[in-house]
């Protein structure tokens, strides 16, 4: 006699991280153990999972930036459990959670595969977002030693102006994990990924500042290859990426539910990540 299957919707916990990493690896994504831990530490009550007989089968995360904005990410279902409505079930859970908190706007970066589901859940398209990638150099030298620098207040203020809400807590966490390059009130962060390193987030007041910071980051990095997620509406970011040997590798659609929240695309030279905004 076969026993019944146990399907449980619950909070995503730190103990789930090893299985969560397996999920993102299966999807070919670049997140590390530290990326998953960051998501859970920032919003321990807003990251959800479905477990089937104790096995992590699906995840969805929600990062809050005050009550004005929340960001959905890591919508993943393990291959054997696809087609069972787990993603929709978790999206319903996180959206109900956001509504209970009075979040005005919820955003996410959607793949082509996920976009129809998000439209069913009340999301509408805002603008495209792309990943530009650069392979590791075969003749890469030894990385220069880098000192971690906390973003000064001017940079955090500039970031809030460009992004539309205060995300100082996220920037603080990312600064602990990676390196911040500074030029006046412009900044570029880098951090390690599973397969390649991330450029971003970055907010800059001029293309010249952005290019200098990107070149500095590339020069000082270990050059395991780079992933640069950007908004193609910022034509200056696209031009710099192309000039420095990057090419597009992924195309997503930024989607929004609730109030429109305007950002200053011309100032945003790299986003923090598809799961972070």
C-alpha atoms as a PDB file:
ATOM      1  CA  UNK A   1       0.000   0.000   0.000  1.00  0.00           C
ATOM      2  CA  UNK A   2       1.462   3.342  -1.048  1.00  0.00           C
ATOM      3  CA  UNK A   3       1.400   6.170   1.487  1.00  0.00           C
ATOM      4  CA  UNK A   4       0.051   9.615   0.668  1.00  0.00           C
ATOM      5  CA  UNK A   5       2.394  12.393  -0.464  1.00  0.00           C
ATOM      6  CA  UNK A   6       2.970  15.279   1.950  1.00  0.00           C
ATOM      7  CA  UNK A   7       2.971  18.722   0.257  1.00  0.00           C
ATOM      8  CA  UNK A   8       3.733  21.580   2.652  1.00  0.00           C
ATOM      9  CA  UNK A   9       3.862  25.336   1.999  1.00  0.00           C
ATOM     10  CA  UNK A  10       6.138  26.992   4.533  1.00  0.00           C
ATOM     11  CA  UNK A  11       8.794  29.620   5.095  1.00  0.00           C
ATOM     12  CA  UNK A  12      12.129  29.121   3.348  1.00  0.00           C
ATOM     13  CA  UNK A  13      14.737  28.538   6.040  1.00  0.00           C
ATOM     14  CA  UNK A  14      18.510  28.675   6.301  1.00  0.00           C
ATOM     15  CA  UNK A  15      18.579  24.888   6.540  1.00  0.00           C
ATOM     16  CA  UNK A  16      17.056  24.777   3.027  1.00  0.00           C
ATOM     17  CA  UNK A  17      19.967  26.618   1.435  1.00  0.00           C
ATOM     18  CA  UNK A  18      21.923  23.542   0.195  1.00  0.00           C
ATOM     19  CA  UNK A  19      18.824  22.259  -1.632  1.00  0.00           C
ATOM     20  CA  UNK A  20      17.974  25.773  -2.828  1.00  0.00           C
ATOM     21  CA  UNK A  21      21.429  26.078  -4.393  1.00  0.00           C
ATOM     22  CA  UNK A  22      20.794  22.799  -6.203  1.00  0.00           C
ATOM     23  CA  UNK A  23      17.573  24.308  -7.587  1.00  0.00           C
ATOM     24  CA  UNK A  24      19.291  27.401  -8.966  1.00  0.00           C
ATOM     25  CA  UNK A  25      22.171  25.318 -10.325  1.00  0.00           C
ATOM     26  CA  UNK A  26      19.668  23.074 -12.111  1.00  0.00           C
ATOM     27  CA  UNK A  27      18.233  26.195 -13.770  1.00  0.00           C
ATOM     28  CA  UNK A  28      21.730  27.307 -14.829  1.00  0.00           C
ATOM     29  CA  UNK A  29      21.605  30.403 -12.641  1.00  0.00           C
ATOM     30  CA  UNK A  30      24.585  32.108 -11.022  1.00  0.00           C
ATOM     31  CA  UNK A  31      23.503  32.384  -7.377  1.00  0.00           C
ATOM     32  CA  UNK A  32      25.778  31.204  -4.576  1.00  0.00           C
ATOM     33  CA  UNK A  33      25.135  29.972  -1.047  1.00  0.00           C
ATOM     34  CA  UNK A  34      25.740  33.545   0.110  1.00  0.00           C
ATOM     35  CA  UNK A  35      23.134  34.904  -2.338  1.00  0.00           C
ATOM     36  CA  UNK A  36      20.485  32.594  -0.927  1.00  0.00           C
ATOM     37  CA  UNK A  37      21.496  33.439   2.622  1.00  0.00           C
ATOM     38  CA  UNK A  38      21.230  37.157   1.816  1.00  0.00           C
ATOM     39  CA  UNK A  39      17.643  36.731   0.595  1.00  0.00           C
ATOM     40  CA  UNK A  40      16.584  34.844   3.713  1.00  0.00           C
ATOM     41  CA  UNK A  41      18.417  37.176   6.111  1.00  0.00           C
ATOM     42  CA  UNK A  42      16.870  40.286   4.541  1.00  0.00           C
ATOM     43  CA  UNK A  43      13.306  38.937   4.558  1.00  0.00           C
ATOM     44  CA  UNK A  44      13.038  35.825   6.745  1.00  0.00           C
ATOM     45  CA  UNK A  45       9.241  36.093   6.913  1.00  0.00           C
ATOM     46  CA  UNK A  46       8.701  36.659   3.170  1.00  0.00           C
ATOM     47  CA  UNK A  47      10.603  33.847   1.449  1.00  0.00           C
ATOM     48  CA  UNK A  48       8.483  30.751   0.835  1.00  0.00           C
ATOM     49  CA  UNK A  49       8.990  27.132  -0.131  1.00  0.00           C
ATOM     50  CA  UNK A  50       7.035  24.016  -0.995  1.00  0.00           C
ATOM     51  CA  UNK A  51       8.375  20.764   0.395  1.00  0.00           C
ATOM     52  CA  UNK A  52       7.223  17.392  -0.916  1.00  0.00           C
ATOM     53  CA  UNK A  53       7.842  14.586   1.564  1.00  0.00           C
ATOM     54  CA  UNK A  54      10.493  16.807   3.128  1.00  0.00           C
ATOM     55  CA  UNK A  55      12.266  17.545  -0.169  1.00  0.00           C
ATOM     56  CA  UNK A  56      12.543  21.166  -1.301  1.00  0.00           C
ATOM     57  CA  UNK A  57      10.441  21.281  -4.475  1.00  0.00           C
ATOM     58  CA  UNK A  58       9.867  25.010  -5.160  1.00  0.00           C
ATOM     59  CA  UNK A  59      10.880  28.451  -3.921  1.00  0.00           C
ATOM     60  CA  UNK A  60       9.859  32.090  -4.253  1.00  0.00           C
ATOM     61  CA  UNK A  61      11.445  35.044  -2.441  1.00  0.00           C
ATOM     62  CA  UNK A  62      10.199  38.545  -1.648  1.00  0.00           C
ATOM     63  CA  UNK A  63      12.536  41.389  -0.693  1.00  0.00           C
ATOM     64  CA  UNK A  64      10.927  44.492   0.823  1.00  0.00           C
ATOM     65  CA  UNK A  65      12.159  48.056   0.389  1.00  0.00           C
ATOM     66  CA  UNK A  66       9.977  49.714   2.994  1.00  0.00           C
ATOM     67  CA  UNK A  67       6.278  49.715   2.143  1.00  0.00           C
ATOM     68  CA  UNK A  68       6.622  51.350  -1.247  1.00  0.00           C
ATOM     69  CA  UNK A  69       8.241  48.427  -3.091  1.00  0.00           C
ATOM     70  CA  UNK A  70       8.836  44.694  -2.843  1.00  0.00           C
ATOM     71  CA  UNK A  71      10.753  42.481  -5.275  1.00  0.00           C
ATOM     72  CA  UNK A  72       9.965  38.886  -6.187  1.00  0.00           C
ATOM     73  CA  UNK A  73      12.737  36.504  -7.168  1.00  0.00           C
ATOM     74  CA  UNK A  74      13.973  32.917  -7.217  1.00  0.00           C
ATOM     75  CA  UNK A  75      10.745  31.490  -8.658  1.00  0.00           C
ATOM     76  CA  UNK A  76      12.041  27.956  -9.085  1.00  0.00           C
ATOM     77  CA  UNK A  77      10.511  24.492  -9.232  1.00  0.00           C
ATOM     78  CA  UNK A  78      12.517  21.296  -9.205  1.00  0.00           C
ATOM     79  CA  UNK A  79      12.162  19.470 -12.498  1.00  0.00           C
ATOM     80  CA  UNK A  80      10.204  16.397 -11.265  1.00  0.00           C
ATOM     81  CA  UNK A  81       7.575  18.680  -9.704  1.00  0.00           C
ATOM     82  CA  UNK A  82       6.946  21.048 -12.616  1.00  0.00           C
ATOM     83  CA  UNK A  83       3.436  21.322 -14.017  1.00  0.00           C
ATOM     84  CA  UNK A  84       1.777  20.923 -10.623  1.00  0.00           C
ATOM     85  CA  UNK A  85       1.042  24.617 -10.024  1.00  0.00           C
ATOM     86  CA  UNK A  86       3.686  25.092  -7.348  1.00  0.00           C
ATOM     87  CA  UNK A  87       4.961  28.412  -8.769  1.00  0.00           C
ATOM     88  CA  UNK A  88       1.446  29.873  -8.870  1.00  0.00           C
ATOM     89  CA  UNK A  89       0.796  28.649  -5.351  1.00  0.00           C
ATOM     90  CA  UNK A  90       3.921  30.343  -3.990  1.00  0.00           C
ATOM     91  CA  UNK A  91       3.310  33.536  -5.972  1.00  0.00           C
ATOM     92  CA  UNK A  92      -0.158  33.717  -4.450  1.00  0.00           C
ATOM     93  CA  UNK A  93       1.424  33.283  -1.017  1.00  0.00           C
ATOM     94  CA  UNK A  94       3.992  36.067  -1.432  1.00  0.00           C
ATOM     95  CA  UNK A  95       1.512  38.462  -3.045  1.00  0.00           C
ATOM     96  CA  UNK A  96      -0.958  37.914  -0.208  1.00  0.00           C
ATOM     97  CA  UNK A  97       1.889  38.594   2.202  1.00  0.00           C
ATOM     98  CA  UNK A  98       2.767  41.829   0.365  1.00  0.00           C
ATOM     99  CA  UNK A  99      -0.882  42.926   0.346  1.00  0.00           C
ATOM    100  CA  UNK A 100      -1.185  42.280   4.086  1.00  0.00           C
ATOM    101  CA  UNK A 101       1.843  44.525   4.647  1.00  0.00           C
ATOM    102  CA  UNK A 102       0.365  47.260   2.475  1.00  0.00           C
ATOM    103  CA  UNK A 103       3.146  47.151  -0.132  1.00  0.00           C
ATOM    104  CA  UNK A 104       2.253  49.659  -2.865  1.00  0.00           C
ATOM    105  CA  UNK A 105       4.284  48.190  -5.728  1.00  0.00           C
ATOM    106  CA  UNK A 106       5.629  44.707  -6.446  1.00  0.00           C
ATOM    107  CA  UNK A 107       8.128  44.116  -9.247  1.00  0.00           C
ATOM    108  CA  UNK A 108       9.990  41.187 -10.754  1.00  0.00           C
ATOM    109  CA  UNK A 109      12.158  40.327 -13.759  1.00  0.00           C
ATOM    110  CA  UNK A 110      10.395  37.683 -15.836  1.00  0.00           C
ATOM    111  CA  UNK A 111      11.674  35.104 -18.269  1.00  0.00           C
ATOM    112  CA  UNK A 112       9.624  34.393 -21.387  1.00  0.00           C
ATOM    113  CA  UNK A 113       8.517  31.154 -19.761  1.00  0.00           C
ATOM    114  CA  UNK A 114       7.281  32.857 -16.607  1.00  0.00           C
ATOM    115  CA  UNK A 115       5.702  35.962 -18.122  1.00  0.00           C
ATOM    116  CA  UNK A 116       2.257  34.433 -18.906  1.00  0.00           C
ATOM    117  CA  UNK A 117       1.874  33.295 -15.291  1.00  0.00           C
ATOM    118  CA  UNK A 118       2.825  36.715 -13.964  1.00  0.00           C
ATOM    119  CA  UNK A 119       0.304  38.356 -16.276  1.00  0.00           C
ATOM    120  CA  UNK A 120      -2.368  36.036 -14.827  1.00  0.00           C
ATOM    121  CA  UNK A 121      -1.330  37.264 -11.374  1.00  0.00           C
ATOM    122  CA  UNK A 122      -1.911  40.915 -12.276  1.00  0.00           C
ATOM    123  CA  UNK A 123       1.558  41.991 -13.433  1.00  0.00           C
ATOM    124  CA  UNK A 124       2.085  44.232 -16.458  1.00  0.00           C
ATOM    125  CA  UNK A 125       5.222  44.876 -18.504  1.00  0.00           C
ATOM    126  CA  UNK A 126       7.368  47.866 -17.568  1.00  0.00           C
ATOM    127  CA  UNK A 127      10.591  47.597 -19.564  1.00  0.00           C
ATOM    128  CA  UNK A 128      13.173  45.073 -20.788  1.00  0.00           C
ATOM    129  CA  UNK A 129      16.181  44.042 -18.726  1.00  0.00           C
ATOM    130  CA  UNK A 130      19.194  42.169 -20.055  1.00  0.00           C
ATOM    131  CA  UNK A 131      22.203  40.220 -18.917  1.00  0.00           C
ATOM    132  CA  UNK A 132      25.436  41.034 -20.691  1.00  0.00           C
ATOM    133  CA  UNK A 133      28.278  38.576 -20.192  1.00  0.00           C
ATOM    134  CA  UNK A 134      32.014  38.466 -20.776  1.00  0.00           C
ATOM    135  CA  UNK A 135      34.123  35.344 -20.696  1.00  0.00           C
ATOM    136  CA  UNK A 136      37.211  35.024 -18.569  1.00  0.00           C
ATOM    137  CA  UNK A 137      40.414  36.146 -20.231  1.00  0.00           C
ATOM    138  CA  UNK A 138      42.817  33.338 -21.011  1.00  0.00           C
ATOM    139  CA  UNK A 139      45.745  35.588 -20.119  1.00  0.00           C
ATOM    140  CA  UNK A 140      44.181  37.060 -16.976  1.00  0.00           C
ATOM    141  CA  UNK A 141      46.769  38.148 -14.456  1.00  0.00           C
ATOM    142  CA  UNK A 142      46.677  38.080 -10.687  1.00  0.00           C
ATOM    143  CA  UNK A 143      43.908  40.213  -9.212  1.00  0.00           C
ATOM    144  CA  UNK A 144      45.014  43.334  -7.380  1.00  0.00           C
ATOM    145  CA  UNK A 145      44.342  43.394  -3.629  1.00  0.00           C
ATOM    146  CA  UNK A 146      41.166  45.346  -2.889  1.00  0.00           C
ATOM    147  CA  UNK A 147      39.998  47.001   0.288  1.00  0.00           C
ATOM    148  CA  UNK A 148      36.290  46.882   1.115  1.00  0.00           C
ATOM    149  CA  UNK A 149      34.761  50.333   1.330  1.00  0.00           C
ATOM    150  CA  UNK A 150      31.307  51.149   2.702  1.00  0.00           C
ATOM    151  CA  UNK A 151      29.195  53.356   0.466  1.00  0.00           C
ATOM    152  CA  UNK A 152      29.225  56.951   1.747  1.00  0.00           C
ATOM    153  CA  UNK A 153      25.966  58.789   2.379  1.00  0.00           C
ATOM    154  CA  UNK A 154      26.210  60.658  -0.948  1.00  0.00           C
ATOM    155  CA  UNK A 155      26.174  57.356  -2.850  1.00  0.00           C
ATOM    156  CA  UNK A 156      23.238  55.990  -0.864  1.00  0.00           C
ATOM    157  CA  UNK A 157      21.315  59.205  -1.532  1.00  0.00           C
ATOM    158  CA  UNK A 158      22.124  58.990  -5.249  1.00  0.00           C
ATOM    159  CA  UNK A 159      20.999  55.348  -5.289  1.00  0.00           C
ATOM    160  CA  UNK A 160      17.655  56.215  -3.684  1.00  0.00           C
ATOM    161  CA  UNK A 161      17.090  58.993  -6.223  1.00  0.00           C
ATOM    162  CA  UNK A 162      17.805  56.637  -9.127  1.00  0.00           C
ATOM    163  CA  UNK A 163      16.044  53.492  -7.846  1.00  0.00           C
ATOM    164  CA  UNK A 164      13.039  55.285  -6.364  1.00  0.00           C
ATOM    165  CA  UNK A 165      13.188  53.852  -2.819  1.00  0.00           C
ATOM    166  CA  UNK A 166      15.717  53.463  -0.026  1.00  0.00           C
ATOM    167  CA  UNK A 167      17.612  50.174  -0.284  1.00  0.00           C
ATOM    168  CA  UNK A 168      20.428  51.029   2.125  1.00  0.00           C
ATOM    169  CA  UNK A 169      20.064  47.719   3.962  1.00  0.00           C
ATOM    170  CA  UNK A 170      20.616  45.745   0.755  1.00  0.00           C
ATOM    171  CA  UNK A 171      23.610  47.886  -0.194  1.00  0.00           C
ATOM    172  CA  UNK A 172      25.080  47.340   3.251  1.00  0.00           C
ATOM    173  CA  UNK A 173      24.762  43.550   2.914  1.00  0.00           C
ATOM    174  CA  UNK A 174      26.191  43.554  -0.610  1.00  0.00           C
ATOM    175  CA  UNK A 175      29.060  45.757   0.534  1.00  0.00           C
ATOM    176  CA  UNK A 176      30.004  43.158   3.130  1.00  0.00           C
ATOM    177  CA  UNK A 177      30.175  40.461   0.447  1.00  0.00           C
ATOM    178  CA  UNK A 178      31.847  42.302  -2.391  1.00  0.00           C
ATOM    179  CA  UNK A 179      33.826  45.367  -3.389  1.00  0.00           C
ATOM    180  CA  UNK A 180      32.657  48.943  -3.923  1.00  0.00           C
ATOM    181  CA  UNK A 181      34.378  51.166  -6.477  1.00  0.00           C
ATOM    182  CA  UNK A 182      33.695  54.885  -5.898  1.00  0.00           C
ATOM    183  CA  UNK A 183      33.937  58.045  -7.981  1.00  0.00           C
ATOM    184  CA  UNK A 184      32.343  61.020  -6.262  1.00  0.00           C
ATOM    185  CA  UNK A 185      28.705  60.109  -5.655  1.00  0.00           C
ATOM    186  CA  UNK A 186      28.861  57.389  -8.328  1.00  0.00           C
ATOM    187  CA  UNK A 187      29.504  53.784  -7.370  1.00  0.00           C
ATOM    188  CA  UNK A 188      29.914  50.291  -8.819  1.00  0.00           C
ATOM    189  CA  UNK A 189      29.697  47.137  -6.706  1.00  0.00           C
ATOM    190  CA  UNK A 190      31.034  43.712  -7.614  1.00  0.00           C
ATOM    191  CA  UNK A 191      30.541  40.355  -5.908  1.00  0.00           C
ATOM    192  CA  UNK A 192      31.281  36.699  -6.638  1.00  0.00           C
ATOM    193  CA  UNK A 193      28.765  34.453  -8.381  1.00  0.00           C
ATOM    194  CA  UNK A 194      28.734  30.680  -8.778  1.00  0.00           C
ATOM    195  CA  UNK A 195      30.157  30.658 -12.312  1.00  0.00           C
ATOM    196  CA  UNK A 196      31.105  34.283 -12.921  1.00  0.00           C
ATOM    197  CA  UNK A 197      31.315  37.513 -10.962  1.00  0.00           C
ATOM    198  CA  UNK A 198      28.587  40.179 -10.904  1.00  0.00           C
ATOM    199  CA  UNK A 199      28.960  43.794 -11.908  1.00  0.00           C
ATOM    200  CA  UNK A 200      26.338  45.731 -10.019  1.00  0.00           C
ATOM    201  CA  UNK A 201      24.484  47.412  -8.613  1.00  0.00           C
ATOM    202  CA  UNK A 202      25.760  50.706  -9.960  1.00  0.00           C
ATOM    203  CA  UNK A 203      24.434  54.253 -10.055  1.00  0.00           C
ATOM    204  CA  UNK A 204      26.474  56.917 -11.819  1.00  0.00           C
ATOM    205  CA  UNK A 205      25.942  60.585 -12.578  1.00  0.00           C
ATOM    206  CA  UNK A 206      27.666  60.503 -15.968  1.00  0.00           C
ATOM    207  CA  UNK A 207      28.813  57.971 -18.599  1.00  0.00           C
ATOM    208  CA  UNK A 208      32.439  58.943 -17.994  1.00  0.00           C
ATOM    209  CA  UNK A 209      32.157  58.053 -14.312  1.00  0.00           C
ATOM    210  CA  UNK A 210      30.458  54.760 -15.175  1.00  0.00           C
ATOM    211  CA  UNK A 211      33.064  53.715 -17.695  1.00  0.00           C
ATOM    212  CA  UNK A 212      35.898  54.518 -15.280  1.00  0.00           C
ATOM    213  CA  UNK A 213      34.282  52.447 -12.527  1.00  0.00           C
ATOM    214  CA  UNK A 214      33.596  49.483 -14.812  1.00  0.00           C
ATOM    215  CA  UNK A 215      37.155  49.511 -16.154  1.00  0.00           C
ATOM    216  CA  UNK A 216      38.485  49.698 -12.602  1.00  0.00           C
ATOM    217  CA  UNK A 217      36.309  46.780 -11.502  1.00  0.00           C
ATOM    218  CA  UNK A 218      37.383  44.645 -14.467  1.00  0.00           C
ATOM    219  CA  UNK A 219      41.047  45.460 -13.905  1.00  0.00           C
ATOM    220  CA  UNK A 220      40.907  44.637 -10.203  1.00  0.00           C
ATOM    221  CA  UNK A 221      38.737  41.533 -10.504  1.00  0.00           C
ATOM    222  CA  UNK A 222      39.818  37.909 -10.636  1.00  0.00           C
ATOM    223  CA  UNK A 223      38.326  37.713 -14.156  1.00  0.00           C
ATOM    224  CA  UNK A 224      36.462  34.429 -13.817  1.00  0.00           C
ATOM    225  CA  UNK A 225      34.063  35.899 -16.347  1.00  0.00           C
ATOM    226  CA  UNK A 226      31.494  38.614 -15.680  1.00  0.00           C
ATOM    227  CA  UNK A 227      27.705  38.970 -15.565  1.00  0.00           C
ATOM    228  CA  UNK A 228      26.344  42.516 -15.994  1.00  0.00           C
ATOM    229  CA  UNK A 229      22.567  42.972 -15.631  1.00  0.00           C
ATOM    230  CA  UNK A 230      21.422  46.287 -17.065  1.00  0.00           C
ATOM    231  CA  UNK A 231      18.446  48.246 -18.364  1.00  0.00           C
ATOM    232  CA  UNK A 232      18.807  48.615 -22.140  1.00  0.00           C
ATOM    233  CA  UNK A 233      16.986  51.955 -21.964  1.00  0.00           C
ATOM    234  CA  UNK A 234      20.295  53.249 -20.605  1.00  0.00           C
ATOM    235  CA  UNK A 235      22.000  53.425 -23.985  1.00  0.00           C
ATOM    236  CA  UNK A 236      25.241  54.609 -22.369  1.00  0.00           C
ATOM    237  CA  UNK A 237      25.437  51.429 -20.265  1.00  0.00           C
ATOM    238  CA  UNK A 238      24.827  49.343 -23.400  1.00  0.00           C
ATOM    239  CA  UNK A 239      27.564  51.203 -25.290  1.00  0.00           C
ATOM    240  CA  UNK A 240      30.085  50.737 -22.477  1.00  0.00           C
ATOM    241  CA  UNK A 241      29.258  47.048 -22.179  1.00  0.00           C
ATOM    242  CA  UNK A 242      29.703  46.516 -25.901  1.00  0.00           C
ATOM    243  CA  UNK A 243      32.976  48.509 -25.996  1.00  0.00           C
ATOM    244  CA  UNK A 244      34.415  46.413 -23.164  1.00  0.00           C
ATOM    245  CA  UNK A 245      33.713  43.066 -24.810  1.00  0.00           C
ATOM    246  CA  UNK A 246      30.362  42.130 -23.254  1.00  0.00           C
ATOM    247  CA  UNK A 247      27.493  40.631 -25.257  1.00  0.00           C
ATOM    248  CA  UNK A 248      23.864  39.875 -24.430  1.00  0.00           C
ATOM    249  CA  UNK A 249      23.183  36.427 -23.004  1.00  0.00           C
ATOM    250  CA  UNK A 250      19.706  36.750 -21.454  1.00  0.00           C
ATOM    251  CA  UNK A 251      16.620  38.851 -22.168  1.00  0.00           C
ATOM    252  CA  UNK A 252      13.973  39.344 -19.479  1.00  0.00           C
ATOM    253  CA  UNK A 253      10.976  41.613 -18.985  1.00  0.00           C
ATOM    254  CA  UNK A 254      10.626  43.799 -15.910  1.00  0.00           C
ATOM    255  CA  UNK A 255       7.033  43.604 -14.686  1.00  0.00           C
ATOM    256  CA  UNK A 256       5.054  45.548 -12.105  1.00  0.00           C
ATOM    257  CA  UNK A 257       1.917  45.039 -10.017  1.00  0.00           C
ATOM    258  CA  UNK A 258       0.258  47.918  -8.190  1.00  0.00           C
ATOM    259  CA  UNK A 259       1.344  51.535  -8.424  1.00  0.00           C
ATOM    260  CA  UNK A 260       3.837  52.663 -11.036  1.00  0.00           C
ATOM    261  CA  UNK A 261       7.183  53.506  -9.472  1.00  0.00           C
ATOM    262  CA  UNK A 262       9.438  55.502 -11.722  1.00  0.00           C
ATOM    263  CA  UNK A 263      13.190  55.002 -11.797  1.00  0.00           C
ATOM    264  CA  UNK A 264      15.933  57.075 -13.383  1.00  0.00           C
ATOM    265  CA  UNK A 265      17.183  54.610 -15.999  1.00  0.00           C
ATOM    266  CA  UNK A 266      19.835  57.042 -17.249  1.00  0.00           C
ATOM    267  CA  UNK A 267      21.524  56.870 -13.830  1.00  0.00           C
ATOM    268  CA  UNK A 268      21.300  53.094 -13.318  1.00  0.00           C
ATOM    269  CA  UNK A 269      24.288  51.405 -14.965  1.00  0.00           C
ATOM    270  CA  UNK A 270      23.776  47.993 -13.390  1.00  0.00           C
ATOM    271  CA  UNK A 271      20.966  46.450 -11.394  1.00  0.00           C
ATOM    272  CA  UNK A 272      21.620  44.454  -8.227  1.00  0.00           C
ATOM    273  CA  UNK A 273      20.329  41.249  -9.790  1.00  0.00           C
ATOM    274  CA  UNK A 274      17.160  39.793 -11.259  1.00  0.00           C
ATOM    275  CA  UNK A 275      16.068  38.674  -7.788  1.00  0.00           C
ATOM    276  CA  UNK A 276      16.883  42.011  -6.117  1.00  0.00           C
ATOM    277  CA  UNK A 277      16.051  44.796  -8.571  1.00  0.00           C
END
